[in-house]
Amino acid sequence: MTRVSFDLSRAKQMNLSEFVDSISLVLLETNDYSLLKSVQALNVTDSLFIVEDKGVMLSFNKRGDFLFSTCSLQGEGPHDYYSGMDFTLLPEGNIEVFDAVRCKLLSYNKEFQYVSTYKLPKDILPVSGYLYLSDDYRLFINKNELKLFSVSENKIVDMYEELGIPHFNIFNKNGFQVKGNSIFVSTKHQNYYYELIVDKKKLELRAICEFDFGDEANLDLADFPKGKDERFYLKYFDNNPRKSYVTDKYVDDERNMCFFIYDNKSYFAYQNRRMGINQVYYNEISTQEQFMLANFYKNGVFYYVSEPLYLQFLVDKSLMSLEDINKIELIREDDNPVIICYKLK
């Protein structure tokens, strides 16, 4: 296992130019059929942006032109879904929607035309998210437990519980990254980054990277007493602001990265092994520039969905082309959110 150490005493105010190579913008088309109210998830393919907005999936091309929406599919019909809790892109290009209320997986093509339905047993509940692993396996996520479901056997074949502390959502649906045949897991509030191993119907989390902020700042939820009410844990963080409160981590072949809260500020730790960079940055409220927890990460690019009103605080124009700078002048406050693409060094 790799240990990545960061010196918080050397943290400095956010400077995007030190770790971002370039910034580009995608203005999502705004019309009566594509209005976004509260973006909950983003997925990026080679040709599409797929946005989840209060249970509705909308697709846009790479220019931001609106393509299709599942708005007309929300209902009680045999090919509709009642609550689109989560979705995933299947290898053949279809989109699978998880309807938690009706315990169904519904598949649609890229134009959101109905393909198939799979009925799930109700004992998979409660669930806060899910992930497609293979034709046979789905992973259902709930707070601090994982449930491995077999389609061929139509049942849960294994469960993995990380921590038994109530009120902590250890597993967040955006913390799962699929790279080829491997699945990597970033748990919230922990300093570890895991590889998820599925072998012979068994789940295992194997720690492959530890983020170290120093003994005084490191937080280990496993040391917390179990069985306390929510106020106990919230009070702990109020009284211990100089503990690092991890919100997400990202690891690839060159970089180790982590978003966390420390001393009542949001921080970003960045290590690029090839370039020899190891630095911690913090955001200052209401100042340019800021770097926020990403909606999606892929191939060295962070994608962040920003409301037009806050765009000015999240970009550095010196890292943008003239074409993208001019896009800013076209944006109105009541337009759809903008996808900011940060290509990393």
Protein backbone atom coordinates (compact mmCIF):
# COMPACT_ATOMS: atom_id res chain seq x y z
CA MET A 1 0.00 0.00 0.00
CA THR A 2 1.19 3.50 -0.89
CA ARG A 3 1.25 6.22 1.77
CA VAL A 4 0.88 9.79 0.49
CA SER A 5 1.95 12.45 3.00
CA PHE A 6 0.93 16.10 2.90
CA ASP A 7 2.29 18.88 5.12
CA LEU A 8 -0.66 21.05 6.18
CA SER A 9 1.70 23.68 7.59
CA ARG A 10 2.75 24.41 3.99
CA ALA A 11 -0.82 24.84 2.72
CA LYS A 12 -1.39 27.95 0.64
CA GLN A 13 -4.27 29.79 -0.91
CA MET A 14 -5.75 28.26 -4.05
CA ASN A 15 -3.73 28.77 -7.22
CA LEU A 16 -5.22 26.82 -10.13
CA SER A 17 -2.32 27.53 -12.46
CA GLU A 18 0.01 25.38 -10.34
CA PHE A 19 -1.86 22.13 -11.02
CA VAL A 20 -4.37 22.89 -13.82
CA ASP A 21 -3.10 22.88 -17.41
CA SER A 22 -6.20 24.42 -19.02
CA ILE A 23 -9.86 25.25 -18.35
CA SER A 24 -12.71 24.93 -20.84
CA LEU A 25 -16.45 25.49 -20.53
CA VAL A 26 -19.47 23.59 -21.82
CA LEU A 27 -22.63 25.70 -21.85
CA LEU A 28 -25.59 23.35 -21.53
CA GLU A 29 -28.41 24.39 -23.83
CA THR A 30 -31.33 26.02 -22.01
CA ASN A 31 -34.84 25.41 -23.37
CA ASP A 32 -38.25 24.29 -22.10
CA TYR A 33 -37.23 20.62 -22.31
CA SER A 34 -33.76 20.83 -20.78
CA LEU A 35 -34.12 23.06 -17.73
CA LEU A 36 -31.91 21.86 -14.87
CA LYS A 37 -32.98 22.60 -11.31
CA SER A 38 -30.76 20.54 -9.02
CA VAL A 39 -28.01 18.46 -10.60
CA GLN A 40 -27.39 15.30 -8.55
CA ALA A 41 -24.99 13.38 -10.76
CA LEU A 42 -22.94 13.70 -13.95
CA ASN A 43 -21.50 11.03 -16.23
CA VAL A 44 -19.16 11.73 -19.14
CA THR A 45 -18.56 9.54 -22.18
CA ASP A 46 -16.53 10.17 -25.33
CA SER A 47 -19.54 11.83 -26.97
CA LEU A 48 -22.06 12.67 -24.24
CA PHE A 49 -22.72 14.43 -20.97
CA ILE A 50 -25.50 12.69 -19.04
CA VAL A 51 -26.95 14.70 -16.18
CA GLU A 52 -29.24 13.47 -13.41
CA ASP A 53 -31.57 16.20 -12.20
CA LYS A 54 -34.07 15.22 -9.49
CA GLY A 55 -34.54 11.77 -10.97
CA VAL A 56 -34.63 12.91 -14.60
CA MET A 57 -31.76 11.96 -16.92
CA LEU A 58 -30.84 14.45 -19.66
CA SER A 59 -28.22 14.01 -22.35
CA PHE A 60 -26.15 16.69 -24.08
CA ASN A 61 -23.49 16.38 -26.75
CA LYS A 62 -19.94 17.63 -26.17
CA ARG A 63 -20.91 21.10 -27.43
CA GLY A 64 -23.67 21.26 -24.82
CA ASP A 65 -26.57 20.85 -27.27
CA PHE A 66 -29.59 19.18 -25.65
CA LEU A 67 -30.40 15.75 -27.05
CA PHE A 68 -32.84 13.67 -25.00
CA SER A 69 -34.61 13.53 -21.63
CA THR A 70 -36.38 10.86 -19.57
CA CYS A 71 -38.97 13.40 -18.37
CA SER A 72 -41.75 11.63 -20.28
CA LEU A 73 -40.68 8.28 -18.80
CA GLN A 74 -41.47 9.15 -15.20
CA GLY A 75 -44.82 7.59 -14.45
CA GLU A 76 -46.69 4.37 -13.80
CA GLY A 77 -46.55 2.81 -17.26
CA PRO A 78 -44.88 -0.58 -17.85
CA HIS A 79 -41.87 1.09 -19.48
CA ASP A 80 -41.68 4.02 -17.05
CA TYR A 81 -39.77 4.46 -13.82
CA TYR A 82 -41.27 5.99 -10.70
CA SER A 83 -38.11 7.19 -8.96
CA GLY A 84 -34.80 7.36 -10.79
CA MET A 85 -32.53 7.07 -7.75
CA ASP A 86 -29.44 6.31 -9.82
CA PHE A 87 -28.28 5.38 -13.29
CA THR A 88 -25.28 3.83 -14.96
CA LEU A 89 -23.94 3.47 -18.49
CA LEU A 90 -23.79 -0.12 -19.70
CA PRO A 91 -20.87 -1.41 -21.82
CA GLU A 92 -23.02 -1.67 -24.96
CA GLY A 93 -24.06 1.97 -24.61
CA ASN A 94 -27.49 1.59 -23.04
CA ILE A 95 -28.47 3.45 -19.88
CA GLU A 96 -29.71 1.49 -16.87
CA VAL A 97 -31.99 3.32 -14.40
CA PHE A 98 -32.51 2.07 -10.86
CA ASP A 99 -36.09 2.59 -9.66
CA ALA A 100 -35.77 2.06 -5.90
CA VAL A 101 -39.48 2.54 -5.15
CA ARG A 102 -40.55 -0.24 -7.51
CA CYS A 103 -37.34 -2.28 -7.11
CA LYS A 104 -36.65 -2.37 -10.85
CA LEU A 105 -33.73 -1.91 -13.21
CA LEU A 106 -34.93 -0.41 -16.50
CA SER A 107 -32.73 -0.19 -19.56
CA TYR A 108 -33.00 2.50 -22.25
CA ASN A 109 -30.91 3.23 -25.33
CA LYS A 110 -29.01 6.48 -25.88
CA GLU A 111 -32.19 8.12 -27.16
CA PHE A 112 -33.97 7.03 -23.94
CA GLN A 113 -36.15 4.53 -25.76
CA TYR A 114 -37.23 1.53 -23.67
CA VAL A 115 -35.19 -1.68 -23.96
CA SER A 116 -35.90 -3.96 -20.98
CA THR A 117 -36.96 -4.32 -17.32
CA TYR A 118 -35.49 -6.44 -14.55
CA LYS A 119 -37.48 -6.93 -11.32
CA LEU A 120 -35.43 -6.91 -8.10
CA PRO A 121 -36.33 -8.55 -4.78
CA LYS A 122 -37.30 -6.04 -2.11
CA ASP A 123 -34.71 -7.29 0.37
CA ILE A 124 -32.07 -5.23 -1.44
CA LEU A 125 -33.53 -2.19 0.36
CA PRO A 126 -32.57 0.14 1.94
CA VAL A 127 -30.33 1.52 -0.81
CA SER A 128 -28.77 4.93 -1.51
CA GLY A 129 -27.11 4.07 -4.83
CA TYR A 130 -25.94 1.24 -7.05
CA LEU A 131 -23.24 0.30 -9.54
CA TYR A 132 -23.13 -2.00 -12.57
CA LEU A 133 -20.25 -4.48 -12.19
CA SER A 134 -20.95 -7.02 -14.94
CA ASP A 135 -23.81 -8.71 -16.77
CA ASP A 136 -24.37 -10.81 -13.65
CA TYR A 137 -23.43 -8.53 -10.77
CA ARG A 138 -24.76 -5.24 -9.42
CA LEU A 139 -23.46 -3.51 -6.32
CA PHE A 140 -26.07 -1.85 -4.12
CA ILE A 141 -24.81 0.85 -1.76
CA ASN A 142 -26.32 1.96 1.53
CA LYS A 143 -24.50 4.24 4.00
CA ASN A 144 -21.75 1.96 5.35
CA GLU A 145 -22.59 -1.33 3.66
CA LEU A 146 -22.24 -2.86 0.21
CA LYS A 147 -24.51 -5.57 -1.16
CA LEU A 148 -23.38 -7.82 -4.01
CA PHE A 149 -26.39 -8.89 -6.08
CA SER A 150 -26.38 -11.70 -8.63
CA VAL A 151 -28.81 -11.33 -11.54
CA SER A 152 -28.56 -15.02 -12.46
CA GLU A 153 -29.40 -16.09 -8.89
CA ASN A 154 -31.77 -13.16 -8.26
CA LYS A 155 -30.44 -12.59 -4.74
CA ILE A 156 -27.81 -10.88 -2.60
CA VAL A 157 -24.82 -13.22 -2.51
CA ASP A 158 -22.55 -11.22 -0.18
CA MET A 159 -22.51 -8.11 2.00
CA TYR A 160 -19.64 -5.93 3.21
CA GLU A 161 -19.95 -3.55 6.16
CA GLU A 162 -17.14 -1.05 6.61
CA LEU A 163 -18.19 0.80 9.77
CA GLY A 164 -21.12 0.41 12.12
CA ILE A 165 -21.44 4.10 12.96
CA PRO A 166 -24.93 5.49 12.36
CA HIS A 167 -25.51 8.78 10.49
CA PHE A 168 -22.29 8.49 8.49
CA ASN A 169 -22.67 7.81 4.77
CA ILE A 170 -19.29 6.14 4.32
CA PHE A 171 -20.01 5.00 0.76
CA ASN A 172 -21.14 7.67 -1.69
CA LYS A 173 -22.27 6.70 -5.18
CA ASN A 174 -19.82 9.12 -6.84
CA GLY A 175 -16.92 7.50 -4.97
CA PHE A 176 -16.77 4.48 -7.29
CA GLN A 177 -14.46 4.66 -10.31
CA VAL A 178 -14.45 1.88 -12.91
CA LYS A 179 -11.17 1.55 -14.82
CA GLY A 180 -11.14 -1.36 -17.21
CA ASN A 181 -11.87 -4.48 -15.15
CA SER A 182 -10.95 -2.79 -11.86
CA ILE A 183 -13.19 -0.85 -9.47
CA PHE A 184 -11.77 1.73 -7.08
CA VAL A 185 -13.60 3.08 -4.05
CA SER A 186 -13.17 6.41 -2.31
CA THR A 187 -14.92 6.26 1.06
CA LYS A 188 -16.05 9.50 2.67
CA HIS A 189 -14.36 10.74 5.84
CA GLN A 190 -11.61 8.11 5.69
CA ASN A 191 -7.99 8.52 4.63
CA TYR A 192 -7.90 5.29 2.62
CA TYR A 193 -8.48 4.61 -1.06
CA TYR A 194 -9.52 1.04 -1.93
CA GLU A 195 -9.69 -1.42 -4.77
CA LEU A 196 -12.93 -3.39 -4.75
CA ILE A 197 -12.32 -7.11 -5.29
CA VAL A 198 -15.17 -9.38 -6.39
CA ASP A 199 -14.00 -12.99 -6.30
CA LYS A 200 -16.13 -16.12 -6.08
CA LYS A 201 -19.21 -14.15 -5.01
CA LYS A 202 -17.25 -12.43 -2.25
CA LEU A 203 -16.64 -8.72 -1.69
CA GLU A 204 -13.35 -7.39 -0.40
CA LEU A 205 -12.01 -3.86 -0.03
CA ARG A 206 -8.23 -3.77 -0.36
CA ALA A 207 -6.55 -0.54 0.75
CA ILE A 208 -4.11 0.60 -1.94
CA CYS A 209 -3.39 4.18 -0.83
CA GLU A 210 -3.39 6.06 2.49
CA PHE A 211 -3.52 9.85 2.71
CA ASP A 212 -1.54 11.13 5.68
CA PHE A 213 -2.02 14.70 6.97
CA GLY A 214 -0.04 14.19 10.18
CA ASP A 215 -1.04 12.48 13.40
CA GLU A 216 -2.69 15.58 14.83
CA ALA A 217 -4.92 16.11 11.80
CA ASN A 218 -5.69 12.53 10.77
CA LEU A 219 -9.20 11.34 11.60
CA ASP A 220 -10.02 7.66 12.11
CA LEU A 221 -13.74 7.01 12.30
CA ALA A 222 -13.06 3.46 13.45
CA ASP A 223 -11.98 4.92 16.81
CA PHE A 224 -15.37 6.56 17.35
CA PRO A 225 -17.70 4.94 19.89
CA LYS A 226 -20.60 3.20 18.21
CA GLY A 227 -24.25 3.63 19.09
CA LYS A 228 -24.22 7.38 19.82
CA ASP A 229 -26.87 9.67 18.40
CA GLU A 230 -26.25 12.08 15.55
CA ARG A 231 -25.67 15.05 17.86
CA PHE A 232 -22.62 13.33 19.37
CA TYR A 233 -20.84 13.09 16.02
CA LEU A 234 -21.83 16.55 14.80
CA LYS A 235 -20.60 18.05 18.07
CA TYR A 236 -17.27 16.27 17.66
CA PHE A 237 -16.57 18.00 14.35
CA ASP A 238 -17.67 21.35 15.76
CA ASN A 239 -15.21 20.93 18.62
CA ASN A 240 -12.35 19.52 16.54
CA PRO A 241 -11.98 21.72 13.44
CA ARG A 242 -8.29 20.81 13.13
CA LYS A 243 -9.10 17.23 12.22
CA SER A 244 -9.05 16.51 8.49
CA TYR A 245 -12.58 15.64 7.37
CA VAL A 246 -12.17 13.86 4.02
CA THR A 247 -14.90 14.35 1.43
CA ASP A 248 -13.40 12.48 -1.56
CA LYS A 249 -10.19 11.09 -2.99
CA TYR A 250 -8.93 10.36 -6.51
CA VAL A 251 -5.99 8.19 -7.57
CA ASP A 252 -4.64 7.48 -11.06
CA ASP A 253 -1.37 6.36 -12.62
CA GLU A 254 0.32 9.73 -11.98
CA ARG A 255 -1.69 11.56 -9.33
CA ASN A 256 -3.00 11.26 -5.78
CA MET A 257 -5.67 13.85 -4.92
CA CYS A 258 -7.95 14.55 -1.99
CA PHE A 259 -10.67 17.03 -1.06
CA PHE A 260 -11.12 17.60 2.67
CA ILE A 261 -12.34 20.05 5.32
CA TYR A 262 -9.81 21.35 7.83
CA ASP A 263 -9.84 24.36 10.15
CA ASN A 264 -13.28 25.36 8.78
CA LYS A 265 -11.98 25.67 5.20
CA SER A 266 -12.20 23.46 2.13
CA TYR A 267 -8.84 22.03 1.04
CA PHE A 268 -7.45 20.22 -1.99
CA ALA A 269 -4.29 18.09 -1.76
CA TYR A 270 -2.50 17.36 -5.03
CA GLN A 271 0.44 15.08 -5.74
CA ASN A 272 1.79 14.50 -9.24
CA ARG A 273 4.54 11.88 -9.00
CA ARG A 274 5.83 12.45 -12.53
CA MET A 275 6.19 16.20 -12.07
CA GLY A 276 7.36 16.02 -8.46
CA ILE A 277 4.46 18.21 -7.18
CA ASN A 278 3.17 17.73 -3.63
CA GLN A 279 1.07 20.63 -2.37
CA VAL A 280 -2.03 21.49 -0.32
CA TYR A 281 -4.33 24.40 -1.25
CA TYR A 282 -7.26 25.99 0.56
CA ASN A 283 -10.23 28.02 -0.67
CA GLU A 284 -10.93 31.48 0.71
CA ILE A 285 -14.64 32.27 0.76
CA SER A 286 -15.83 34.81 -1.85
CA THR A 287 -12.45 35.08 -3.53
CA GLN A 288 -11.09 34.03 -6.88
CA GLU A 289 -10.00 31.32 -7.48
CA GLN A 290 -11.71 28.33 -5.87
CA PHE A 291 -11.61 24.64 -6.61
CA MET A 292 -14.62 22.59 -5.55
CA LEU A 293 -15.40 18.91 -5.07
CA ALA A 294 -15.86 17.52 -8.58
CA ASN A 295 -19.03 16.00 -10.01
CA PHE A 296 -16.96 13.65 -12.18
CA TYR A 297 -13.32 12.72 -12.82
CA LYS A 298 -11.93 10.90 -15.83
CA ASN A 299 -8.56 10.69 -17.60
CA GLY A 300 -6.96 13.63 -15.81
CA VAL A 301 -9.96 15.96 -16.13
CA PHE A 302 -12.21 17.20 -13.32
CA TYR A 303 -15.76 18.13 -14.36
CA TYR A 304 -17.64 20.53 -12.11
CA VAL A 305 -21.24 21.68 -12.66
CA SER A 306 -21.49 25.38 -11.74
CA GLU A 307 -24.43 27.74 -11.53
CA PRO A 308 -23.76 30.78 -13.78
CA LEU A 309 -23.75 33.10 -10.75
CA TYR A 310 -20.67 31.40 -9.24
CA LEU A 311 -18.67 30.87 -12.42
CA GLN A 312 -16.51 33.96 -11.85
CA PHE A 313 -15.08 32.44 -8.64
CA LEU A 314 -14.18 29.09 -10.19
CA VAL A 315 -12.08 29.89 -13.27
CA ASP A 316 -8.74 31.46 -14.06
CA LYS A 317 -9.02 33.22 -17.42
CA SER A 318 -5.27 32.95 -17.96
CA LEU A 319 -5.80 29.19 -18.38
CA MET A 320 -8.65 29.60 -20.89
CA SER A 321 -8.75 30.08 -24.64
CA LEU A 322 -10.23 33.27 -26.07
CA GLU A 323 -13.19 31.23 -27.33
CA ASP A 324 -13.99 30.00 -23.82
CA ILE A 325 -13.50 33.45 -22.29
CA ASN A 326 -16.01 34.81 -24.80
CA LYS A 327 -18.51 32.14 -23.75
CA ILE A 328 -18.74 33.77 -20.33
CA GLU A 329 -20.22 36.89 -21.90
CA LEU A 330 -23.03 34.81 -23.41
CA ILE A 331 -24.21 33.33 -20.10
CA ARG A 332 -27.30 34.68 -18.34
CA GLU A 333 -28.05 34.10 -14.66
CA ASP A 334 -31.19 32.08 -15.49
CA ASP A 335 -29.36 29.79 -17.94
CA ASN A 336 -28.62 26.15 -17.23
CA PRO A 337 -25.52 25.33 -15.16
CA VAL A 338 -22.15 25.35 -16.90
CA ILE A 339 -19.79 22.37 -16.93
CA ILE A 340 -16.26 23.53 -16.07
CA CYS A 341 -13.58 21.15 -17.37
CA TYR A 342 -10.27 21.36 -15.50
CA LYS A 343 -7.52 19.50 -17.39
CA LEU A 344 -4.80 18.69 -14.85
CA LYS A 345 -1.07 18.91 -15.28
